[in-house]
Amino acid sequence: MQVPVGSRLVLALAFVLVWGSSVQGYP
């Protein structure tokens, strides 16, 4: 099961955005 690098990058970006907004600890 191979996942394209692009979709993996989008998934990582979405995860970072959701994590950051839920933590609310951004400088």
C-alpha atoms as a PDB file:
ATOM      1  CA  MET A   1       0.000   0.000   0.000  1.00  0.00           C
ATOM      2  CA  GLN A   2       1.870   3.030  -1.274  1.00  0.00           C
ATOM      3  CA  VAL A   3       0.845   6.580  -0.414  1.00  0.00           C
ATOM      4  CA  PRO A   4       1.883   9.484  -2.674  1.00  0.00           C
ATOM      5  CA  VAL A   5       4.285  11.959  -1.068  1.00  0.00           C
ATOM      6  CA  GLY A   6       1.888  14.818  -1.838  1.00  0.00           C
ATOM      7  CA  SER A   7      -1.039  13.305   0.064  1.00  0.00           C
ATOM      8  CA  ARG A   8       1.274  12.433   2.949  1.00  0.00           C
ATOM      9  CA  LEU A   9       2.435  16.055   3.054  1.00  0.00           C
ATOM     10  CA  VAL A  10      -1.161  17.323   3.039  1.00  0.00           C
ATOM     11  CA  LEU A  11      -2.062  14.921   5.840  1.00  0.00           C
ATOM     12  CA  ALA A  12       0.895  16.100   7.923  1.00  0.00           C
ATOM     13  CA  LEU A  13       0.004  19.752   7.287  1.00  0.00           C
ATOM     14  CA  ALA A  14      -3.635  19.189   8.262  1.00  0.00           C
ATOM     15  CA  PHE A  15      -2.537  17.374  11.429  1.00  0.00           C
ATOM     16  CA  VAL A  16      -0.247  20.259  12.419  1.00  0.00           C
ATOM     17  CA  LEU A  17      -3.019  22.807  11.829  1.00  0.00           C
ATOM     18  CA  VAL A  18      -5.570  20.859  13.899  1.00  0.00           C
ATOM     19  CA  TRP A  19      -3.039  20.173  16.670  1.00  0.00           C
ATOM     20  CA  GLY A  20      -1.970  23.828  16.805  1.00  0.00           C
ATOM     21  CA  SER A  21      -5.538  25.128  16.929  1.00  0.00           C
ATOM     22  CA  SER A  22      -6.466  22.662  19.680  1.00  0.00           C
ATOM     23  CA  VAL A  23      -3.387  23.453  21.773  1.00  0.00           C
ATOM     24  CA  GLN A  24      -3.762  27.253  21.448  1.00  0.00           C
ATOM     25  CA  GLY A  25      -0.161  27.595  22.657  1.00  0.00           C
ATOM     26  CA  TYR A  26       1.307  29.152  19.534  1.00  0.00           C
ATOM     27  CA  PRO A  27       3.647  32.146  20.024  1.00  0.00           C
END
